[in-house]
Amino acid sequence: MFYMSVTRWPLSSSEQVGKVSVELLKKPPPDYLKRIGTYVVPTAEGVKAYMLHDVKDGREGEAYKYLVDTFATYRVVEGYSVVIEPLLVVEEALSMLGLKL
């Protein structure tokens, strides 16, 4: 399973986001969670970043809590927001309907 996190902040908060990010990146994520990438997009409102997190089966709850706790570190950044969404591959989504490919 994957979690997609989408974060946003105003351009004026970029330095603060960078400082928090550098500190967080010094600590590796737990073994059940792999960060696939961070993709940053400038927008008219500021900055938007997409992060994909690959989660080991059976560890989804722990991974979600870890992500929430990690992103809470950014609460000191004015205008920062995050949305964390679970992503299912087609096979997973179909199996929830009792269907198989």
N, C-alpha and C. Protein backbone atom coordinates (compact mmCIF):
# COMPACT_ATOMS: atom_id res chain seq x y z
N MET A 1 0.84 -1.17 0.00
CA MET A 1 0.00 0.00 0.00
C MET A 1 0.89 1.23 0.00
N PHE A 2 0.31 2.31 -0.49
CA PHE A 2 1.02 3.58 -0.53
C PHE A 2 0.21 4.66 0.18
N TYR A 3 0.90 5.60 0.77
CA TYR A 3 0.29 6.85 1.23
C TYR A 3 0.89 7.95 0.37
N MET A 4 0.03 8.87 -0.05
CA MET A 4 0.48 10.07 -0.76
C MET A 4 0.24 11.24 0.19
N SER A 5 1.29 11.99 0.45
CA SER A 5 1.11 13.20 1.24
C SER A 5 1.31 14.40 0.33
N VAL A 6 0.41 15.35 0.48
CA VAL A 6 0.48 16.59 -0.29
C VAL A 6 0.57 17.73 0.72
N THR A 7 1.68 18.45 0.67
CA THR A 7 1.89 19.55 1.59
C THR A 7 1.90 20.87 0.83
N ARG A 8 1.52 21.92 1.52
CA ARG A 8 1.49 23.26 0.92
C ARG A 8 1.98 24.27 1.95
N TRP A 9 2.62 25.31 1.45
CA TRP A 9 3.03 26.41 2.32
C TRP A 9 3.27 27.65 1.46
N PRO A 10 3.15 28.82 2.07
CA PRO A 10 3.43 30.06 1.32
C PRO A 10 4.93 30.18 1.05
N LEU A 11 5.26 30.83 -0.04
CA LEU A 11 6.66 31.02 -0.42
C LEU A 11 7.47 31.65 0.72
N SER A 12 6.84 32.54 1.46
CA SER A 12 7.55 33.23 2.55
C SER A 12 7.96 32.28 3.68
N SER A 13 7.38 31.09 3.73
CA SER A 13 7.72 30.11 4.77
C SER A 13 8.72 29.06 4.29
N SER A 14 9.23 29.20 3.08
CA SER A 14 10.10 28.17 2.49
C SER A 14 11.37 27.93 3.30
N GLU A 15 11.98 28.98 3.79
CA GLU A 15 13.21 28.79 4.57
C GLU A 15 12.92 27.98 5.83
N GLN A 16 11.81 28.29 6.48
CA GLN A 16 11.42 27.56 7.68
C GLN A 16 11.14 26.09 7.36
N VAL A 17 10.43 25.83 6.27
CA VAL A 17 10.15 24.46 5.84
C VAL A 17 11.46 23.73 5.57
N GLY A 18 12.39 24.39 4.92
CA GLY A 18 13.69 23.79 4.63
C GLY A 18 14.43 23.40 5.89
N LYS A 19 14.43 24.25 6.88
CA LYS A 19 15.14 23.96 8.14
C LYS A 19 14.52 22.76 8.85
N VAL A 20 13.20 22.72 8.93
CA VAL A 20 12.53 21.58 9.57
C VAL A 20 12.81 20.30 8.78
N SER A 21 12.76 20.40 7.46
CA SER A 21 12.99 19.23 6.61
C SER A 21 14.39 18.66 6.78
N VAL A 22 15.39 19.53 6.84
CA VAL A 22 16.78 19.08 7.01
C VAL A 22 16.91 18.29 8.32
N GLU A 23 16.31 18.78 9.38
CA GLU A 23 16.38 18.08 10.66
C GLU A 23 15.67 16.72 10.58
N LEU A 24 14.50 16.69 9.97
CA LEU A 24 13.75 15.43 9.86
C LEU A 24 14.46 14.42 8.98
N LEU A 25 15.11 14.87 7.92
CA LEU A 25 15.77 13.95 7.00
C LEU A 25 17.03 13.32 7.59
N LYS A 26 17.50 13.85 8.70
CA LYS A 26 18.65 13.25 9.38
C LYS A 26 18.28 11.93 10.03
N LYS A 27 16.97 11.74 10.30
CA LYS A 27 16.49 10.51 10.94
C LYS A 27 15.87 9.62 9.87
N PRO A 28 16.34 8.41 9.71
CA PRO A 28 15.74 7.52 8.70
C PRO A 28 14.34 7.09 9.14
N PRO A 29 13.46 6.87 8.17
CA PRO A 29 12.11 6.39 8.52
C PRO A 29 12.19 4.96 9.05
N PRO A 30 11.14 4.48 9.71
CA PRO A 30 11.14 3.10 10.18
C PRO A 30 11.22 2.12 9.01
N ASP A 31 11.61 0.89 9.30
CA ASP A 31 11.85 -0.10 8.25
C ASP A 31 10.59 -0.47 7.46
N TYR A 32 9.42 -0.21 8.00
CA TYR A 32 8.18 -0.55 7.31
C TYR A 32 7.68 0.55 6.37
N LEU A 33 8.44 1.62 6.26
CA LEU A 33 8.02 2.77 5.47
C LEU A 33 9.18 3.24 4.58
N LYS A 34 8.94 3.31 3.29
CA LYS A 34 9.98 3.76 2.36
C LYS A 34 9.47 4.99 1.61
N ARG A 35 10.22 6.07 1.71
CA ARG A 35 9.89 7.30 0.99
C ARG A 35 10.39 7.15 -0.44
N ILE A 36 9.50 7.23 -1.39
CA ILE A 36 9.88 7.05 -2.80
C ILE A 36 10.34 8.37 -3.41
N GLY A 37 9.80 9.45 -2.98
CA GLY A 37 10.27 10.71 -3.54
C GLY A 37 9.52 11.90 -3.00
N THR A 38 10.12 13.03 -3.17
CA THR A 38 9.47 14.31 -2.89
C THR A 38 9.55 15.12 -4.17
N TYR A 39 8.41 15.58 -4.62
CA TYR A 39 8.32 16.35 -5.86
C TYR A 39 7.69 17.69 -5.53
N VAL A 40 8.40 18.76 -5.83
CA VAL A 40 7.98 20.10 -5.43
C VAL A 40 7.52 20.88 -6.66
N VAL A 41 6.40 21.59 -6.48
CA VAL A 41 5.80 22.36 -7.56
C VAL A 41 5.54 23.78 -7.06
N PRO A 42 6.08 24.80 -7.74
CA PRO A 42 5.70 26.16 -7.37
C PRO A 42 4.28 26.45 -7.86
N THR A 43 3.52 27.16 -7.06
CA THR A 43 2.14 27.51 -7.43
C THR A 43 1.94 29.00 -7.21
N ALA A 44 0.80 29.51 -7.65
CA ALA A 44 0.48 30.92 -7.46
C ALA A 44 0.35 31.25 -5.97
N GLU A 45 -0.04 30.24 -5.16
CA GLU A 45 -0.24 30.45 -3.73
C GLU A 45 1.03 30.22 -2.91
N GLY A 46 2.04 29.59 -3.51
CA GLY A 46 3.26 29.28 -2.77
C GLY A 46 3.93 28.04 -3.32
N VAL A 47 4.02 27.02 -2.48
CA VAL A 47 4.71 25.78 -2.86
C VAL A 47 3.82 24.60 -2.50
N LYS A 48 3.85 23.59 -3.35
CA LYS A 48 3.14 22.34 -3.11
C LYS A 48 4.15 21.22 -3.29
N ALA A 49 4.14 20.25 -2.38
CA ALA A 49 5.06 19.11 -2.48
C ALA A 49 4.28 17.81 -2.36
N TYR A 50 4.65 16.86 -3.20
CA TYR A 50 4.05 15.53 -3.20
C TYR A 50 5.09 14.54 -2.71
N MET A 51 4.69 13.65 -1.80
CA MET A 51 5.58 12.60 -1.31
C MET A 51 4.84 11.28 -1.37
N LEU A 52 5.49 10.27 -1.89
CA LEU A 52 4.92 8.94 -1.96
C LEU A 52 5.63 8.07 -0.94
N HIS A 53 4.85 7.33 -0.14
CA HIS A 53 5.38 6.50 0.92
C HIS A 53 4.91 5.07 0.68
N ASP A 54 5.84 4.15 0.52
CA ASP A 54 5.53 2.73 0.32
C ASP A 54 5.49 2.06 1.70
N VAL A 55 4.37 1.41 2.01
CA VAL A 55 4.15 0.82 3.33
C VAL A 55 4.10 -0.70 3.23
N LYS A 56 4.81 -1.38 4.12
CA LYS A 56 4.76 -2.84 4.17
C LYS A 56 3.37 -3.28 4.59
N ASP A 57 2.91 -4.36 3.98
CA ASP A 57 1.60 -4.91 4.32
C ASP A 57 1.48 -5.17 5.82
N GLY A 58 0.34 -4.81 6.36
CA GLY A 58 0.08 -5.03 7.78
C GLY A 58 0.59 -3.94 8.69
N ARG A 59 1.28 -2.96 8.15
CA ARG A 59 1.86 -1.89 8.97
C ARG A 59 1.23 -0.53 8.66
N GLU A 60 0.08 -0.55 7.99
CA GLU A 60 -0.55 0.70 7.55
C GLU A 60 -0.88 1.65 8.70
N GLY A 61 -1.41 1.11 9.80
CA GLY A 61 -1.76 1.95 10.94
C GLY A 61 -0.55 2.62 11.56
N GLU A 62 0.51 1.85 11.75
CA GLU A 62 1.74 2.40 12.30
C GLU A 62 2.33 3.47 11.38
N ALA A 63 2.28 3.18 10.09
CA ALA A 63 2.84 4.13 9.11
C ALA A 63 2.06 5.43 9.12
N TYR A 64 0.74 5.34 9.19
CA TYR A 64 -0.08 6.55 9.20
C TYR A 64 0.24 7.39 10.44
N LYS A 65 0.32 6.73 11.60
CA LYS A 65 0.65 7.45 12.83
C LYS A 65 2.03 8.10 12.72
N TYR A 66 3.00 7.37 12.18
CA TYR A 66 4.34 7.93 12.01
C TYR A 66 4.30 9.18 11.13
N LEU A 67 3.57 9.10 10.01
CA LEU A 67 3.49 10.25 9.11
C LEU A 67 2.81 11.44 9.78
N VAL A 68 1.72 11.19 10.49
CA VAL A 68 1.02 12.28 11.20
C VAL A 68 1.95 12.93 12.21
N ASP A 69 2.65 12.11 12.99
CA ASP A 69 3.58 12.66 13.98
C ASP A 69 4.71 13.44 13.33
N THR A 70 5.21 12.93 12.21
CA THR A 70 6.30 13.61 11.50
C THR A 70 5.83 14.95 10.95
N PHE A 71 4.70 14.96 10.27
CA PHE A 71 4.21 16.21 9.70
C PHE A 71 3.78 17.21 10.77
N ALA A 72 3.46 16.73 11.97
CA ALA A 72 3.11 17.64 13.07
C ALA A 72 4.29 18.53 13.44
N THR A 73 5.50 18.08 13.12
CA THR A 73 6.70 18.87 13.39
C THR A 73 6.64 20.21 12.65
N TYR A 74 5.95 20.24 11.53
CA TYR A 74 5.86 21.46 10.73
C TYR A 74 4.83 22.46 11.27
N ARG A 75 4.18 22.14 12.37
CA ARG A 75 3.14 23.05 12.89
C ARG A 75 3.71 24.42 13.24
N VAL A 76 5.02 24.52 13.41
CA VAL A 76 5.65 25.80 13.70
C VAL A 76 5.74 26.70 12.46
N VAL A 77 5.46 26.14 11.29
CA VAL A 77 5.57 26.88 10.04
C VAL A 77 4.21 27.51 9.71
N GLU A 78 4.21 28.81 9.63
CA GLU A 78 2.95 29.52 9.33
C GLU A 78 2.47 29.18 7.92
N GLY A 79 1.20 28.80 7.82
CA GLY A 79 0.59 28.53 6.53
C GLY A 79 0.84 27.13 5.99
N TYR A 80 1.51 26.28 6.75
CA TYR A 80 1.82 24.91 6.30
C TYR A 80 0.59 24.03 6.48
N SER A 81 0.30 23.20 5.49
CA SER A 81 -0.79 22.24 5.61
C SER A 81 -0.39 20.93 4.94
N VAL A 82 -1.04 19.86 5.36
CA VAL A 82 -0.75 18.54 4.79
C VAL A 82 -2.04 17.73 4.70
N VAL A 83 -2.12 16.93 3.65
CA VAL A 83 -3.18 15.95 3.47
C VAL A 83 -2.49 14.62 3.18
N ILE A 84 -2.88 13.58 3.92
CA ILE A 84 -2.31 12.24 3.73
C ILE A 84 -3.43 11.35 3.23
N GLU A 85 -3.22 10.73 2.06
CA GLU A 85 -4.25 9.88 1.46
C GLU A 85 -3.70 8.49 1.18
N PRO A 86 -4.50 7.44 1.48
CA PRO A 86 -4.09 6.10 1.09
C PRO A 86 -4.32 5.90 -0.40
N LEU A 87 -3.38 5.26 -1.06
CA LEU A 87 -3.50 4.95 -2.48
C LEU A 87 -3.52 3.44 -2.63
N LEU A 88 -4.44 2.94 -3.43
CA LEU A 88 -4.53 1.52 -3.69
C LEU A 88 -4.16 1.24 -5.13
N VAL A 89 -3.43 0.15 -5.35
CA VAL A 89 -3.21 -0.28 -6.73
C VAL A 89 -4.51 -0.90 -7.21
N VAL A 90 -4.68 -1.03 -8.50
CA VAL A 90 -5.93 -1.50 -9.08
C VAL A 90 -6.36 -2.83 -8.47
N GLU A 91 -5.42 -3.77 -8.32
CA GLU A 91 -5.75 -5.07 -7.76
C GLU A 91 -6.33 -4.96 -6.35
N GLU A 92 -5.77 -4.08 -5.53
CA GLU A 92 -6.27 -3.88 -4.17
C GLU A 92 -7.67 -3.29 -4.20
N ALA A 93 -7.89 -2.31 -5.05
CA ALA A 93 -9.20 -1.67 -5.14
C ALA A 93 -10.25 -2.68 -5.62
N LEU A 94 -9.91 -3.48 -6.61
CA LEU A 94 -10.85 -4.47 -7.11
C LEU A 94 -11.16 -5.54 -6.08
N SER A 95 -10.14 -5.95 -5.32
CA SER A 95 -10.38 -6.98 -4.31
C SER A 95 -11.35 -6.50 -3.23
N MET A 96 -11.38 -5.20 -2.98
CA MET A 96 -12.36 -4.67 -2.02
C MET A 96 -13.78 -4.85 -2.52
N LEU A 97 -13.93 -4.99 -3.83
CA LEU A 97 -15.24 -5.22 -4.44
C LEU A 97 -15.51 -6.70 -4.69
N GLY A 98 -14.55 -7.54 -4.28
CA GLY A 98 -14.68 -8.96 -4.51
C GLY A 98 -14.34 -9.37 -5.93
N LEU A 99 -13.58 -8.54 -6.64
CA LEU A 99 -13.22 -8.80 -8.02
C LEU A 99 -11.71 -9.04 -8.16
N LYS A 100 -11.34 -9.75 -9.20
CA LYS A 100 -9.92 -10.00 -9.49
C LYS A 100 -9.65 -9.71 -10.94
N LEU A 101 -8.42 -9.32 -11.23
CA LEU A 101 -8.00 -9.13 -12.62
C LEU A 101 -7.65 -10.46 -13.25
